[in-house]
PDB file of N, CA and C in Angstrom:
ATOM      1  N   MET A   1     165.152  65.056 131.012  1.00  0.00           N
ATOM      2  CA  MET A   1     163.713  64.733 130.944  1.00  0.00           C
ATOM      3  C   MET A   1     163.411  63.654 131.988  1.00  0.00           C
ATOM      4  N   SER A   2     162.393  63.928 132.876  1.00  0.00           N
ATOM      5  CA  SER A   2     162.057  62.964 133.914  1.00  0.00           C
ATOM      6  C   SER A   2     161.456  61.645 133.354  1.00  0.00           C
ATOM      7  N   ASP A   3     161.686  60.714 134.060  1.00  0.00           N
ATOM      8  CA  ASP A   3     161.254  59.378 133.617  1.00  0.00           C
ATOM      9  C   ASP A   3     159.735  59.147 134.381  1.00  0.00           C
ATOM     10  N   HIS A   4     158.711  59.209 133.632  1.00  0.00           N
ATOM     11  CA  HIS A   4     157.399  58.885 134.147  1.00  0.00           C
ATOM     12  C   HIS A   4     156.767  57.602 133.613  1.00  0.00           C
ATOM     13  N   SER A   5     156.223  57.017 134.571  1.00  0.00           N
ATOM     14  CA  SER A   5     155.787  55.516 134.251  1.00  0.00           C
ATOM     15  C   SER A   5     154.591  55.522 133.389  1.00  0.00           C
ATOM     16  N   GLU A   6     154.491  54.541 132.702  1.00  0.00           N
ATOM     17  CA  GLU A   6     153.134  54.384 131.603  1.00  0.00           C
ATOM     18  C   GLU A   6     152.001  54.476 132.514  1.00  0.00           C
ATOM     19  N   SER A   7     152.031  53.731 133.700  1.00  0.00           N
ATOM     20  CA  SER A   7     150.953  53.684 134.647  1.00  0.00           C
ATOM     21  C   SER A   7     150.323  55.092 135.088  1.00  0.00           C
ATOM     22  N   LEU A   8     151.445  55.793 135.447  1.00  0.00           N
ATOM     23  CA  LEU A   8     151.215  57.370 135.852  1.00  0.00           C
ATOM     24  C   LEU A   8     150.379  57.995 134.805  1.00  0.00           C
ATOM     25  N   LEU A   9     150.934  58.038 133.517  1.00  0.00           N
ATOM     26  CA  LEU A   9     150.519  58.664 132.292  1.00  0.00           C
ATOM     27  C   LEU A   9     148.961  58.078 132.074  1.00  0.00           C
ATOM     28  N   ASN A  10     148.809  56.681 132.142  1.00  0.00           N
ATOM     29  CA  ASN A  10     147.505  56.248 131.942  1.00  0.00           C
ATOM     30  C   ASN A  10     146.394  56.688 133.052  1.00  0.00           C
ATOM     31  N   THR A  11     146.806  56.767 134.316  1.00  0.00           N
ATOM     32  CA  THR A  11     146.036  57.451 135.335  1.00  0.00           C
ATOM     33  C   THR A  11     145.575  58.879 134.986  1.00  0.00           C
ATOM     34  N   LEU A  12     146.605  59.708 134.615  1.00  0.00           N
ATOM     35  CA  LEU A  12     146.315  61.033 134.217  1.00  0.00           C
ATOM     36  C   LEU A  12     145.446  61.123 133.076  1.00  0.00           C
ATOM     37  N   ILE A  13     145.622  60.353 132.091  1.00  0.00           N
ATOM     38  CA  ILE A  13     144.772  60.449 130.688  1.00  0.00           C
ATOM     39  C   ILE A  13     143.399  60.214 131.320  1.00  0.00           C
ATOM     40  N   LYS A  14     143.199  59.112 132.122  1.00  0.00           N
ATOM     41  CA  LYS A  14     141.817  58.737 132.595  1.00  0.00           C
ATOM     42  C   LYS A  14     141.256  60.113 133.354  1.00  0.00           C
ATOM     43  N   LYS A  15     141.879  60.550 134.196  1.00  0.00           N
ATOM     44  CA  LYS A  15     141.426  61.686 134.976  1.00  0.00           C
ATOM     45  C   LYS A  15     141.203  62.884 134.033  1.00  0.00           C
ATOM     46  N   VAL A  16     141.983  63.326 133.054  1.00  0.00           N
ATOM     47  CA  VAL A  16     141.629  64.388 132.243  1.00  0.00           C
ATOM     48  C   VAL A  16     140.285  63.990 131.664  1.00  0.00           C
ATOM     49  N   ARG A  17     140.172  62.864 131.083  1.00  0.00           N
ATOM     50  CA  ARG A  17     138.894  62.706 130.352  1.00  0.00           C
ATOM     51  C   ARG A  17     137.538  62.625 131.324  1.00  0.00           C
ATOM     52  N   GLU A  18     137.825  62.360 132.508  1.00  0.00           N
ATOM     53  CA  GLU A  18     136.665  62.486 133.429  1.00  0.00           C
ATOM     54  C   GLU A  18     136.240  63.767 134.152  1.00  0.00           C
ATOM     55  N   TYR A  19     137.199  64.840 133.736  1.00  0.00           N
ATOM     56  CA  TYR A  19     136.829  66.021 134.295  1.00  0.00           C
ATOM     57  C   TYR A  19     135.715  66.511 133.835  1.00  0.00           C
ATOM     58  N   PRO A  20     134.728  67.194 134.680  1.00  0.00           N
ATOM     59  CA  PRO A  20     133.432  67.574 134.096  1.00  0.00           C
ATOM     60  C   PRO A  20     133.886  68.744 133.062  1.00  0.00           C
ATOM     61  N   ARG A  21     132.955  68.779 131.920  1.00  0.00           N
ATOM     62  CA  ARG A  21     132.982  69.751 130.838  1.00  0.00           C
ATOM     63  C   ARG A  21     134.376  69.466 130.109  1.00  0.00           C
ATOM     64  N   PHE A  22     134.862  68.283 130.101  1.00  0.00           N
ATOM     65  CA  PHE A  22     136.044  68.068 129.294  1.00  0.00           C
ATOM     66  C   PHE A  22     135.925  68.314 127.941  1.00  0.00           C
ATOM     67  N   SER A  23     136.763  68.944 127.189  1.00  0.00           N
ATOM     68  CA  SER A  23     136.715  69.292 125.801  1.00  0.00           C
ATOM     69  C   SER A  23     138.236  69.204 125.263  1.00  0.00           C
ATOM     70  N   LYS A  24     138.301  68.534 124.108  1.00  0.00           N
ATOM     71  CA  LYS A  24     139.482  68.649 123.339  1.00  0.00           C
ATOM     72  C   LYS A  24     139.968  69.916 122.964  1.00  0.00           C
ATOM     73  N   ASP A  25     138.934  70.745 122.837  1.00  0.00           N
ATOM     74  CA  ASP A  25     139.351  72.220 122.384  1.00  0.00           C
ATOM     75  C   ASP A  25     140.225  72.845 123.416  1.00  0.00           C
ATOM     76  N   GLU A  26     140.069  72.294 124.807  1.00  0.00           N
ATOM     77  CA  GLU A  26     140.793  72.934 125.702  1.00  0.00           C
ATOM     78  C   GLU A  26     141.800  72.078 126.406  1.00  0.00           C
ATOM     79  N   ILE A  27     142.234  71.234 125.582  1.00  0.00           N
ATOM     80  CA  ILE A  27     143.078  69.977 126.145  1.00  0.00           C
ATOM     81  C   ILE A  27     144.347  70.501 126.878  1.00  0.00           C
ATOM     82  N   GLU A  28     144.947  71.649 126.617  1.00  0.00           N
ATOM     83  CA  GLU A  28     146.116  72.062 127.385  1.00  0.00           C
ATOM     84  C   GLU A  28     145.668  72.479 128.931  1.00  0.00           C
ATOM     85  N   LYS A  29     144.640  73.030 128.837  1.00  0.00           N
ATOM     86  CA  LYS A  29     143.850  73.380 130.397  1.00  0.00           C
ATOM     87  C   LYS A  29     143.851  72.103 131.128  1.00  0.00           C
ATOM     88  N   PHE A  30     143.093  71.048 130.527  1.00  0.00           N
ATOM     89  CA  PHE A  30     142.729  70.036 131.231  1.00  0.00           C
ATOM     90  C   PHE A  30     144.024  69.203 131.619  1.00  0.00           C
ATOM     91  N   CYS A  31     144.985  69.087 130.861  1.00  0.00           N
ATOM     92  CA  CYS A  31     146.398  68.408 131.048  1.00  0.00           C
ATOM     93  C   CYS A  31     147.015  69.318 132.119  1.00  0.00           C
ATOM     94  N   TRP A  32     146.928  70.457 132.032  1.00  0.00           N
ATOM     95  CA  TRP A  32     147.583  71.367 133.191  1.00  0.00           C
ATOM     96  C   TRP A  32     146.905  71.178 134.536  1.00  0.00           C
ATOM     97  N   MET A  33     145.510  71.040 134.511  1.00  0.00           N
ATOM     98  CA  MET A  33     144.805  70.625 135.764  1.00  0.00           C
ATOM     99  C   MET A  33     145.164  69.413 136.367  1.00  0.00           C
ATOM    100  N   ALA A  34     145.280  68.356 135.589  1.00  0.00           N
ATOM    101  CA  ALA A  34     145.594  67.005 136.059  1.00  0.00           C
ATOM    102  C   ALA A  34     147.045  67.011 136.547  1.00  0.00           C
ATOM    103  N   VAL A  35     148.098  67.501 135.967  1.00  0.00           N
ATOM    104  CA  VAL A  35     149.520  67.652 136.487  1.00  0.00           C
ATOM    105  C   VAL A  35     149.411  68.425 137.593  1.00  0.00           C
ATOM    106  N   HIS A  36     148.853  69.479 137.600  1.00  0.00           N
ATOM    107  CA  HIS A  36     148.765  70.248 138.969  1.00  0.00           C
ATOM    108  C   HIS A  36     148.192  69.590 140.047  1.00  0.00           C
ATOM    109  N   GLU A  37     147.049  68.857 139.878  1.00  0.00           N
ATOM    110  CA  GLU A  37     146.318  68.030 140.964  1.00  0.00           C
ATOM    111  C   GLU A  37     147.221  66.919 141.481  1.00  0.00           C
ATOM    112  N   HIS A  38     148.092  66.360 140.414  1.00  0.00           N
ATOM    113  CA  HIS A  38     148.896  65.306 140.770  1.00  0.00           C
ATOM    114  C   HIS A  38     150.100  65.750 141.593  1.00  0.00           C
ATOM    115  N   LYS A  39     150.671  66.961 141.406  1.00  0.00           N
ATOM    116  CA  LYS A  39     151.843  67.417 142.041  1.00  0.00           C
ATOM    117  C   LYS A  39     151.285  68.055 143.533  1.00  0.00           C
ATOM    118  N   HIS A  40     150.360  68.732 143.462  1.00  0.00           N
ATOM    119  CA  HIS A  40     149.799  69.511 144.669  1.00  0.00           C
ATOM    120  C   HIS A  40     148.789  68.788 145.415  1.00  0.00           C
ATOM    121  N   GLY A  41     148.105  67.744 144.884  1.00  0.00           N
ATOM    122  CA  GLY A  41     146.945  67.204 145.557  1.00  0.00           C
ATOM    123  C   GLY A  41     145.717  67.783 145.567  1.00  0.00           C
ATOM    124  N   VAL A  42     145.596  68.959 144.775  1.00  0.00           N
ATOM    125  CA  VAL A  42     144.268  69.590 144.694  1.00  0.00           C
ATOM    126  C   VAL A  42     144.213  70.408 143.311  1.00  0.00           C
ATOM    127  N   LEU A  43     142.962  70.596 142.952  1.00  0.00           N
ATOM    128  CA  LEU A  43     142.859  71.187 141.705  1.00  0.00           C
ATOM    129  C   LEU A  43     143.216  72.618 141.845  1.00  0.00           C
ATOM    130  N   PRO A  44     143.732  73.304 140.832  1.00  0.00           N
ATOM    131  CA  PRO A  44     144.318  74.810 140.683  1.00  0.00           C
ATOM    132  C   PRO A  44     142.959  75.471 140.884  1.00  0.00           C
ATOM    133  N   SER A  45     143.326  76.751 141.689  1.00  0.00           N
ATOM    134  CA  SER A  45     142.458  77.877 141.740  1.00  0.00           C
ATOM    135  C   SER A  45     142.531  78.659 140.439  1.00  0.00           C
ATOM    136  N   GLU A  46     141.707  79.620 140.361  1.00  0.00           N
ATOM    137  CA  GLU A  46     141.600  80.315 139.105  1.00  0.00           C
ATOM    138  C   GLU A  46     142.971  81.017 138.707  1.00  0.00           C
ATOM    139  N   TYR A  47     143.526  81.549 139.672  1.00  0.00           N
ATOM    140  CA  TYR A  47     144.772  82.263 139.512  1.00  0.00           C
ATOM    141  C   TYR A  47     146.075  81.483 139.993  1.00  0.00           C
ATOM    142  N   ASP A  48     145.994  80.202 139.966  1.00  0.00           N
ATOM    143  CA  ASP A  48     147.054  79.477 140.690  1.00  0.00           C
ATOM    144  C   ASP A  48     148.295  79.650 139.715  1.00  0.00           C
ATOM    145  N   ILE A  49     149.539  79.919 140.479  1.00  0.00           N
ATOM    146  CA  ILE A  49     150.663  80.009 139.706  1.00  0.00           C
ATOM    147  C   ILE A  49     151.844  79.028 140.113  1.00  0.00           C
ATOM    148  N   ARG A  50     151.288  77.996 140.974  1.00  0.00           N
ATOM    149  CA  ARG A  50     152.365  77.073 141.519  1.00  0.00           C
ATOM    150  C   ARG A  50     152.965  76.360 140.453  1.00  0.00           C
ATOM    151  N   GLU A  51     154.115  75.935 140.567  1.00  0.00           N
ATOM    152  CA  GLU A  51     154.868  75.274 139.406  1.00  0.00           C
ATOM    153  C   GLU A  51     154.212  73.825 139.228  1.00  0.00           C
ATOM    154  N   ILE A  52     154.498  73.308 138.065  1.00  0.00           N
ATOM    155  CA  ILE A  52     154.075  71.843 137.980  1.00  0.00           C
ATOM    156  C   ILE A  52     155.204  71.063 137.217  1.00  0.00           C
ATOM    157  N   ASP A  53     155.164  69.924 137.029  1.00  0.00           N
ATOM    158  CA  ASP A  53     156.188  69.155 136.436  1.00  0.00           C
ATOM    159  C   ASP A  53     155.927  69.268 134.748  1.00  0.00           C
ATOM    160  N   GLU A  54     156.779  70.233 134.366  1.00  0.00           N
ATOM    161  CA  GLU A  54     156.601  70.540 132.985  1.00  0.00           C
ATOM    162  C   GLU A  54     156.721  69.288 132.090  1.00  0.00           C
ATOM    163  N   ASP A  55     157.712  68.526 132.225  1.00  0.00           N
ATOM    164  CA  ASP A  55     157.879  67.291 131.259  1.00  0.00           C
ATOM    165  C   ASP A  55     156.690  66.312 131.438  1.00  0.00           C
ATOM    166  N   LEU A  56     156.080  66.294 132.513  1.00  0.00           N
ATOM    167  CA  LEU A  56     154.953  65.350 132.597  1.00  0.00           C
ATOM    168  C   LEU A  56     153.872  66.060 131.940  1.00  0.00           C
ATOM    169  N   TYR A  57     153.610  67.273 131.975  1.00  0.00           N
ATOM    170  CA  TYR A  57     152.626  67.998 131.298  1.00  0.00           C
ATOM    171  C   TYR A  57     152.884  67.882 129.818  1.00  0.00           C
ATOM    172  N   LEU A  58     153.948  68.022 129.320  1.00  0.00           N
ATOM    173  CA  LEU A  58     154.278  67.944 127.940  1.00  0.00           C
ATOM    174  C   LEU A  58     153.898  66.430 127.312  1.00  0.00           C
ATOM    175  N   LYS A  59     154.360  65.529 128.284  1.00  0.00           N
ATOM    176  CA  LYS A  59     154.105  63.925 127.823  1.00  0.00           C
ATOM    177  C   LYS A  59     152.788  63.675 127.818  1.00  0.00           C
ATOM    178  N   LEU A  60     151.862  64.196 128.762  1.00  0.00           N
ATOM    179  CA  LEU A  60     150.277  64.055 128.864  1.00  0.00           C
ATOM    180  C   LEU A  60     149.827  64.783 127.571  1.00  0.00           C
ATOM    181  N   LEU A  61     150.073  65.950 127.497  1.00  0.00           N
ATOM    182  CA  LEU A  61     149.598  66.726 126.360  1.00  0.00           C
ATOM    183  C   LEU A  61     149.776  65.951 125.022  1.00  0.00           C
ATOM    184  N   GLN A  62     151.113  65.254 124.819  1.00  0.00           N
ATOM    185  CA  GLN A  62     151.319  64.580 123.615  1.00  0.00           C
ATOM    186  C   GLN A  62     150.452  63.462 123.419  1.00  0.00           C
ATOM    187  N   GLU A  63     150.008  62.779 124.502  1.00  0.00           N
ATOM    188  CA  GLU A  63     149.192  61.597 124.448  1.00  0.00           C
ATOM    189  C   GLU A  63     147.843  61.992 123.723  1.00  0.00           C
ATOM    190  N   PHE A  64     147.409  63.318 123.845  1.00  0.00           N
ATOM    191  CA  PHE A  64     146.118  63.780 123.281  1.00  0.00           C
ATOM    192  C   PHE A  64     146.175  64.298 122.013  1.00  0.00           C
ATOM    193  N   LYS A  65     147.436  64.582 121.623  1.00  0.00           N
ATOM    194  CA  LYS A  65     147.559  65.154 120.181  1.00  0.00           C
ATOM    195  C   LYS A  65     147.941  64.136 119.153  1.00  0.00           C
TER     196      LYS A  65
END
């Protein structure tokens, strides 16, 4: 498992909460968007299938559950 800094996680948590129309009902989507944006530098398009850092996604998701 990758080692992700607490600072990175805190930055992504803040980013997730600041997304327009943020909803805890769709937390998986918003966490995926944040990790995608972190890795690729842009928000995903509707049918974006580029890979993300799965470990980082799961850690971020865990912070909200």
